[in-house]
Protein backbone atom coordinates (compact mmCIF):
# COMPACT_ATOMS: atom_id res chain seq x y z
CA MET A 1 0.01 -0.06 0.09
CA ARG A 2 1.30 3.44 -0.91
CA LEU A 3 0.59 6.52 1.07
CA SER A 4 -0.79 9.81 -0.06
CA ASP A 5 -0.23 12.61 2.55
CA VAL A 6 -3.22 15.19 2.58
CA THR A 7 -1.99 17.26 5.45
CA LEU A 8 -1.40 20.51 3.58
CA ARG A 9 -4.78 20.37 1.89
CA GLU A 10 -6.93 18.81 4.61
CA GLY A 11 -5.23 20.80 7.36
CA ASP A 12 -5.78 24.15 5.52
CA GLN A 13 -9.49 23.42 5.50
CA MET A 14 -9.68 23.27 9.32
CA PRO A 15 -11.51 26.22 10.90
CA GLY A 16 -9.35 29.15 11.61
CA ARG A 17 -6.31 27.89 9.57
CA GLU A 18 -4.54 29.83 6.89
CA PHE A 19 -1.36 28.02 5.98
CA THR A 20 0.97 30.12 3.84
CA ALA A 21 2.24 29.01 0.43
CA ALA A 22 5.71 29.04 1.73
CA ASP A 23 4.88 26.87 4.78
CA LYS A 24 3.11 24.40 2.44
CA VAL A 25 6.15 24.15 0.14
CA GLU A 26 8.53 23.66 3.12
CA CYS A 27 6.38 20.94 4.58
CA ALA A 28 5.98 19.17 1.28
CA ARG A 29 9.78 19.01 0.92
CA VAL A 30 10.00 17.49 4.41
CA LEU A 31 7.42 14.88 3.42
CA ASP A 32 9.24 14.24 0.13
CA ASP A 33 12.43 13.54 2.05
CA LEU A 34 10.53 11.14 4.19
CA GLY A 35 9.72 9.12 1.15
CA VAL A 36 5.93 9.73 0.97
CA PRO A 37 5.08 8.70 -2.58
CA TYR A 38 2.04 11.00 -3.09
CA ILE A 39 1.68 14.52 -1.61
CA GLN A 40 -1.57 16.44 -2.05
CA PRO A 41 -0.77 19.93 -0.87
CA ALA A 42 -3.39 21.98 -2.72
CA PHE A 43 -6.76 22.59 -4.22
CA PRO A 44 -5.89 25.01 -7.01
CA ALA A 45 -9.37 26.13 -7.89
CA THR A 46 -9.64 27.72 -4.51
CA GLY A 47 -7.14 30.53 -5.39
CA GLU A 48 -3.68 31.79 -6.26
CA LYS A 49 -2.08 30.57 -3.10
CA ASP A 50 -2.56 26.98 -3.87
CA ARG A 51 -1.72 27.31 -7.53
CA ARG A 52 1.57 28.94 -6.43
CA VAL A 53 2.33 25.95 -4.09
CA LEU A 54 1.82 23.54 -7.12
CA ARG A 55 3.95 25.60 -9.41
CA GLU A 56 6.81 25.70 -6.90
CA LEU A 57 6.74 21.98 -6.35
CA ALA A 58 6.20 20.86 -9.88
CA GLY A 59 9.01 18.75 -11.22
CA THR A 60 11.16 19.31 -7.99
CA THR A 61 10.11 16.33 -5.92
CA ASP A 62 10.46 12.50 -5.98
CA ALA A 63 6.83 12.28 -4.78
CA ASP A 64 4.05 12.66 -7.20
CA ILE A 65 2.41 16.08 -6.45
CA VAL A 66 -1.37 15.62 -6.38
CA ALA A 67 -3.94 18.44 -6.95
CA LEU A 68 -7.51 18.13 -5.81
CA ALA A 69 -10.29 19.06 -8.24
CA ARG A 70 -13.98 18.99 -8.22
CA ALA A 71 -15.42 17.05 -11.26
CA LEU A 72 -15.52 20.29 -13.26
CA GLU A 73 -13.58 21.15 -16.30
CA GLY A 74 -12.38 24.49 -14.78
CA ASP A 75 -11.00 22.77 -11.62
CA VAL A 76 -9.23 20.21 -13.85
CA ASP A 77 -7.62 22.95 -15.85
CA ALA A 78 -6.45 24.75 -12.82
CA ALA A 79 -4.75 21.58 -11.56
CA VAL A 80 -3.13 20.81 -15.00
CA ASP A 81 -2.06 24.47 -15.58
CA ALA A 82 -0.24 24.63 -12.19
CA GLY A 83 1.82 21.52 -13.06
CA ALA A 84 0.31 18.79 -10.88
CA ASP A 85 1.63 15.34 -11.61
CA VAL A 86 -1.72 13.81 -10.76
CA VAL A 87 -5.30 15.35 -10.82
CA GLU A 88 -7.47 13.87 -8.14
CA THR A 89 -10.95 14.70 -9.03
CA PHE A 90 -13.73 14.08 -6.43
CA VAL A 91 -17.56 13.73 -6.44
CA PRO A 92 -20.13 12.94 -3.77
CA VAL A 93 -21.75 9.47 -4.42
CA SER A 94 -24.19 8.84 -1.61
CA ASP A 95 -27.84 9.69 -1.92
CA LEU A 96 -27.52 12.01 1.13
CA GLN A 97 -24.71 13.95 -0.31
CA LEU A 98 -26.05 14.10 -3.84
CA THR A 99 -29.24 15.56 -2.61
CA HIS A 100 -28.01 17.93 0.09
CA LEU A 101 -24.49 18.74 -0.99
CA LEU A 102 -24.40 18.58 -4.70
CA GLY A 103 -28.16 19.10 -5.35
CA THR A 104 -28.12 16.82 -8.39
CA THR A 105 -29.11 13.45 -9.67
CA ARG A 106 -27.04 10.30 -9.81
CA GLU A 107 -27.09 10.33 -13.60
CA ASP A 108 -25.82 13.81 -13.73
CA MET A 109 -23.15 12.92 -11.18
CA LEU A 110 -21.97 10.00 -13.38
CA SER A 111 -21.75 12.29 -16.27
CA MET A 112 -19.86 14.87 -14.25
CA VAL A 113 -17.17 12.45 -13.07
CA GLY A 114 -16.81 10.68 -16.45
CA GLY A 115 -16.41 13.99 -18.18
CA ALA A 116 -13.82 15.25 -15.63
CA VAL A 117 -11.80 12.18 -16.11
CA ASP A 118 -12.05 12.42 -19.90
CA HIS A 119 -11.02 16.04 -19.81
CA ALA A 120 -7.97 15.45 -17.55
CA ARG A 121 -6.81 12.62 -19.95
CA ASP A 122 -7.32 14.77 -22.98
CA ARG A 123 -5.04 17.37 -21.35
CA GLY A 124 -2.47 14.70 -20.71
CA ALA A 125 -2.89 14.32 -16.94
CA ARG A 126 -2.77 11.22 -14.86
CA VAL A 127 -6.10 10.85 -13.04
CA HIS A 128 -7.14 9.66 -9.65
CA VAL A 129 -10.78 9.69 -8.54
CA THR A 130 -12.17 10.14 -5.04
CA LEU A 131 -15.67 9.04 -4.30
CA ALA A 132 -16.95 11.07 -1.33
CA ASP A 133 -19.12 9.29 1.20
CA ALA A 134 -18.48 6.08 -0.60
CA PHE A 135 -18.85 4.00 2.56
CA ARG A 136 -22.47 5.13 3.03
CA THR A 137 -23.34 4.49 -0.60
CA ASP A 138 -25.40 1.54 -1.79
CA THR A 139 -22.99 -1.09 -3.11
CA ASP A 140 -24.56 -1.28 -6.57
CA ASP A 141 -24.43 2.48 -6.93
CA LEU A 142 -20.85 2.50 -5.81
CA ILE A 143 -19.97 -0.20 -8.41
CA GLU A 144 -21.67 1.77 -11.16
CA VAL A 145 -19.52 4.81 -10.39
CA ILE A 146 -16.38 2.78 -10.35
CA GLU A 147 -17.12 1.12 -13.62
CA ARG A 148 -17.76 4.57 -15.21
CA VAL A 149 -14.10 5.56 -14.72
CA PRO A 150 -11.95 2.66 -16.00
CA GLU A 151 -9.27 5.08 -17.07
CA ALA A 152 -8.61 6.35 -13.54
CA GLU A 153 -5.39 4.95 -11.98
CA CYS A 154 -6.84 4.87 -8.65
CA VAL A 155 -10.46 5.08 -7.26
CA THR A 156 -10.51 6.19 -3.62
CA LEU A 157 -13.34 5.27 -1.33
CA ALA A 158 -13.84 8.13 1.14
CA ASP A 159 -15.32 7.65 4.59
CA THR A 160 -16.09 11.31 4.47
CA VAL A 161 -17.86 11.73 7.76
CA GLY A 162 -15.83 9.09 9.67
CA ALA A 163 -18.72 6.75 10.21
CA ARG A 164 -17.13 3.35 9.70
CA THR A 165 -15.13 0.82 11.56
CA PRO A 166 -12.64 -1.90 10.39
CA ALA A 167 -15.35 -4.52 10.04
CA SER A 168 -17.61 -2.43 7.87
CA VAL A 169 -14.59 -1.27 5.85
CA LEU A 170 -13.63 -4.91 5.07
CA ASP A 171 -17.23 -5.78 4.35
CA ARG A 172 -17.44 -2.93 1.76
CA LEU A 173 -14.11 -4.01 0.11
CA ASP A 174 -15.47 -7.56 -0.12
CA ARG A 175 -18.74 -6.45 -1.79
CA ILE A 176 -16.86 -4.64 -4.60
CA ASP A 177 -14.56 -7.53 -5.42
CA GLY A 178 -14.68 -8.56 -9.00
CA HIS A 179 -15.51 -5.04 -10.07
CA VAL A 180 -12.23 -3.45 -9.41
CA LYS A 181 -8.73 -4.60 -8.55
CA ARG A 182 -7.82 -4.13 -5.04
CA SER A 183 -4.53 -2.61 -6.06
CA ARG A 184 -6.45 0.15 -7.86
CA VAL A 185 -8.52 1.11 -4.83
CA GLY A 186 -7.68 3.82 -2.41
CA VAL A 187 -9.09 4.78 1.01
CA HIS A 188 -9.64 8.02 2.86
CA PHE A 189 -10.74 7.94 6.41
CA HIS A 190 -11.80 10.49 9.09
CA ASP A 191 -11.45 9.90 12.82
CA ASP A 192 -14.91 10.81 14.03
CA LEU A 193 -15.28 7.51 15.68
CA GLY A 194 -11.64 7.13 16.57
CA CYS A 195 -11.14 4.40 13.85
CA ALA A 196 -9.16 6.23 11.27
CA THR A 197 -5.86 4.43 11.92
CA ALA A 198 -7.42 1.06 12.48
CA ASN A 199 -9.51 1.50 9.30
CA ALA A 200 -6.40 2.29 7.20
CA LEU A 201 -4.50 -0.71 8.55
CA ALA A 202 -7.50 -2.95 7.83
CA ALA A 203 -7.60 -1.74 4.31
CA ALA A 204 -3.88 -2.39 3.98
CA ARG A 205 -4.33 -5.92 5.10
CA ALA A 206 -7.08 -6.27 2.52
CA GLY A 207 -4.66 -5.26 -0.21
CA VAL A 208 -5.80 -1.79 -1.26
CA GLY A 209 -3.24 0.28 -3.26
CA LYS A 210 -3.30 3.58 -1.55
CA ALA A 211 -4.37 5.31 1.70
CA ASP A 212 -4.65 8.92 2.46
CA VAL A 213 -2.87 10.01 5.67
CA SER A 214 -2.10 13.23 7.38
CA VAL A 215 0.60 14.27 9.80
CA GLY A 216 -0.72 14.31 13.33
CA GLY A 217 -4.10 13.52 11.87
CA LEU A 218 -4.69 17.08 10.73
CA GLY A 219 -7.95 17.51 8.79
CA GLU A 220 -11.61 18.48 9.11
CA ARG A 221 -13.50 17.67 12.23
CA ALA A 222 -11.70 14.90 14.12
CA GLY A 223 -9.00 14.62 11.36
CA ASN A 224 -7.71 11.98 9.09
CA SER A 225 -5.64 8.83 9.64
CA PRO A 226 -2.38 10.05 11.16
CA LEU A 227 0.58 9.30 8.96
CA GLU A 228 2.92 8.57 11.95
CA GLU A 229 0.42 6.15 13.51
CA VAL A 230 -0.24 4.15 10.24
CA VAL A 231 3.45 3.87 9.62
CA VAL A 232 4.56 2.84 13.07
CA ALA A 233 1.65 0.42 13.57
CA ALA A 234 2.32 -1.23 10.28
CA ALA A 235 5.92 -1.49 10.91
CA VAL A 236 5.51 -2.88 14.42
CA ASP A 237 2.69 -5.24 13.78
CA THR A 238 3.61 -6.54 10.25
CA GLY A 239 7.13 -5.29 9.48
CA ALA A 240 5.84 -3.31 6.60
CA GLU A 241 7.43 0.07 6.37
CA LEU A 242 5.28 1.35 3.57
CA GLY A 243 8.24 2.93 1.66
CA ILE A 244 8.81 5.56 4.38
CA GLU A 245 12.24 6.48 5.97
CA THR A 246 11.14 5.36 9.36
CA ASP A 247 14.30 6.39 11.18
CA GLY A 248 13.37 10.06 10.68
CA LEU A 249 9.66 9.74 10.98
CA ILE A 250 8.96 11.35 14.32
CA PRO A 251 11.25 14.44 13.92
CA ALA A 252 9.97 15.11 10.35
CA CYS A 253 6.36 14.87 11.61
CA ARG A 254 7.15 17.22 14.45
CA ASP A 255 8.91 19.64 12.03
CA VAL A 256 5.79 19.83 9.87
CA LEU A 257 3.41 20.57 12.73
CA ASP A 258 5.86 23.08 14.00
CA THR A 259 6.09 24.86 10.65
CA LEU A 260 2.34 24.99 10.30
CA GLY A 261 1.88 26.31 13.93
CA GLU A 262 -0.10 23.20 14.96
CA GLY A 263 0.30 21.77 18.40
CA TYR A 264 -0.22 18.23 19.78
CA ASP A 265 -0.85 16.67 23.12
CA GLU A 266 2.20 15.24 25.04
CA ARG A 267 0.22 12.03 25.10
CA LYS A 268 -0.37 11.93 21.34
CA PRO A 269 0.46 8.40 20.00
CA VAL A 270 3.91 8.32 18.34
CA LEU A 271 4.53 12.00 18.37
CA GLY A 272 3.96 12.99 22.00
CA ALA A 273 6.96 13.00 24.34
CA GLY A 274 4.86 11.53 27.08
CA VAL A 275 4.19 8.27 25.19
CA SER A 276 7.90 7.24 25.75
CA GLU A 277 8.29 8.72 29.13
CA HIS A 278 8.26 6.38 32.15
CA GLU A 279 8.27 6.98 35.96
CA SER A 280 6.30 4.23 37.64
CA GLY A 281 8.60 2.07 39.94
CA ILE A 282 7.68 -1.18 38.25
CA HIS A 283 8.13 0.23 34.81
CA THR A 284 11.52 1.92 35.32
CA ALA A 285 12.92 -1.10 37.06
CA ALA A 286 11.98 -3.24 34.19
CA MET A 287 13.21 -0.85 31.59
CA LEU A 288 16.55 -0.26 32.99
CA SER A 289 17.19 -3.97 32.34
CA GLU A 290 15.14 -4.43 29.27
CA PRO A 291 13.12 -1.58 27.63
CA ALA A 292 10.91 -3.84 25.46
CA ALA A 293 9.42 -5.14 28.71
CA MET A 294 7.28 -1.99 28.79
CA GLU A 295 7.19 -0.60 25.30
CA ALA A 296 5.55 -1.61 22.00
CA TYR A 297 8.50 -0.39 20.10
CA ASP A 298 11.80 1.37 20.58
CA PRO A 299 11.13 5.04 19.82
CA GLY A 300 14.66 5.38 18.39
CA ARG A 301 13.59 3.05 15.57
CA PHE A 302 11.42 6.10 14.37
CA GLY A 303 13.67 8.94 15.39
CA GLY A 304 12.28 9.44 18.88
CA GLU A 305 13.74 8.90 22.27
CA ARG A 306 12.62 7.28 25.49
CA ARG A 307 12.84 9.22 28.85
CA LEU A 308 13.04 7.44 32.19
CA ILE A 309 11.96 9.63 35.08
CA PHE A 310 13.17 9.02 38.62
CA GLY A 311 11.51 10.48 41.65
CA THR A 312 8.63 9.83 44.12
CA GLN A 313 7.45 6.76 42.22
CA THR A 314 10.81 5.18 41.94
CA GLY A 315 10.84 1.74 43.65
CA VAL A 316 13.33 -0.36 45.39
CA GLY A 317 14.08 -2.47 42.29
CA ALA A 318 15.02 0.68 40.27
CA ALA A 319 17.10 2.06 43.00
CA ARG A 320 19.14 -1.09 43.17
CA GLN A 321 19.80 -0.91 39.52
CA LEU A 322 20.79 2.66 39.59
CA LEU A 323 23.33 1.99 42.35
CA GLU A 324 24.68 -1.02 40.42
CA ARG A 325 25.01 1.20 37.25
CA ALA A 326 26.83 3.83 39.35
CA GLY A 327 29.33 1.03 40.44
CA HIS A 328 28.10 0.65 44.06
CA ASP A 329 26.77 -2.10 46.25
CA PRO A 330 22.93 -1.71 46.52
CA ASP A 331 22.75 -2.47 50.26
CA GLU A 332 19.66 -1.49 52.15
CA THR A 333 20.93 1.61 53.64
CA ALA A 334 22.07 2.88 50.23
CA VAL A 335 18.70 2.00 48.61
CA ASP A 336 16.74 3.77 51.29
CA THR A 337 18.99 6.82 51.09
CA LEU A 338 18.66 6.98 47.35
CA LEU A 339 14.89 6.63 47.48
CA ASP A 340 14.62 9.49 49.94
CA ARG A 341 16.97 11.61 47.75
CA LEU A 342 15.05 10.85 44.61
CA ALA A 343 11.72 11.75 46.33
CA ALA A 344 13.13 15.02 47.59
CA GLU A 345 15.09 15.95 44.39
CA GLY A 346 13.18 14.35 41.57
CA PRO A 347 11.85 14.15 38.99
CA LEU A 348 15.38 13.32 37.59
CA SER A 349 16.48 12.03 34.19
CA ARG A 350 18.20 8.63 34.04
CA GLU A 351 21.59 10.32 33.83
CA GLU A 352 20.83 12.63 36.80
CA ALA A 353 19.63 9.67 38.82
CA ILE A 354 22.68 7.58 38.17
CA ALA A 355 24.82 10.59 39.19
CA LEU A 356 22.88 10.90 42.34
CA ALA A 357 23.19 7.19 43.01
CA ALA A 358 26.96 7.60 42.60
CA GLU A 359 26.90 10.28 45.27
CA VAL A 360 24.89 8.24 47.62
CA GLY A 361 27.16 5.27 46.97
CA GLU A 362 30.22 7.13 47.88
CA ARG A 363 28.90 8.26 51.32
CA PRO A 364 31.14 7.43 54.26
CA SER A 365 30.47 3.87 55.64
């Protein structure tokens, strides 16, 4: 499965956001260095800023630069004229969105998307198609749309309102089997039910060819499948690295968020410093001897770092190991003294705690 990063387009659509063209270009280059195969930074029909982003990136990246376009000739032209490698045209396909969002009939929608694909190809563009609200669309209706665009390299099924779970994602993929190759299917998930990462992983296991992801999950409402979570979970659980330079993943994602002025919680999976910070007595004692005892993965594998904290929660086992690492006998008196000092002077880093243990161990006998 190949990843398509939508951070710079989805994130820019969040309420109150106004990413600059320069910031988008800078972040796209970070993502390109990370090895992301598709980067969707812009929706050029929305204005000059996004057209500038595409023009600056055109022909300068290893990644394919993708421009979003409604199923309208003018949108397609804006994407092609700005130099996008791929035009990704989208159209609502559920009854709900056809009626209340697009205000048109299914037949008119089919004509629109077919015409947009034909126009893009006539202009020499590679074409991907995204079917909005696909997971809430009747299966037969969905198949009809897919079969209308056989020239599209990829057809992405979008869970536009984040209404699906892994079980229903797999069920929908099974239902369209025989009508489209799995390798030609893409997926796009939102996290409204907290399932965006799990849904992307389920789709990967089912053999889809592409998944949209976003750094830190940036995107409308609850956001999209977080790039860093999908990459780390796939690598840890199945060994698949999805073509990403995993050793630089965490710092690259943090750099993107910093550039865009976006914060993240310290307990944010993968990115937050707190997810690799340990203070509990049982945890630190185990991790001093074998970190894997209390971690799903070594954060260093992805460019992060663990932090062991010593203080009021430090237990006897950890105190003994600290004294041993400092080259001293962990007798009962030394252990008790060290625990008292840690409680009074902590929280301390591992290096500070070992230095304190050395001081305690050197006390007069």
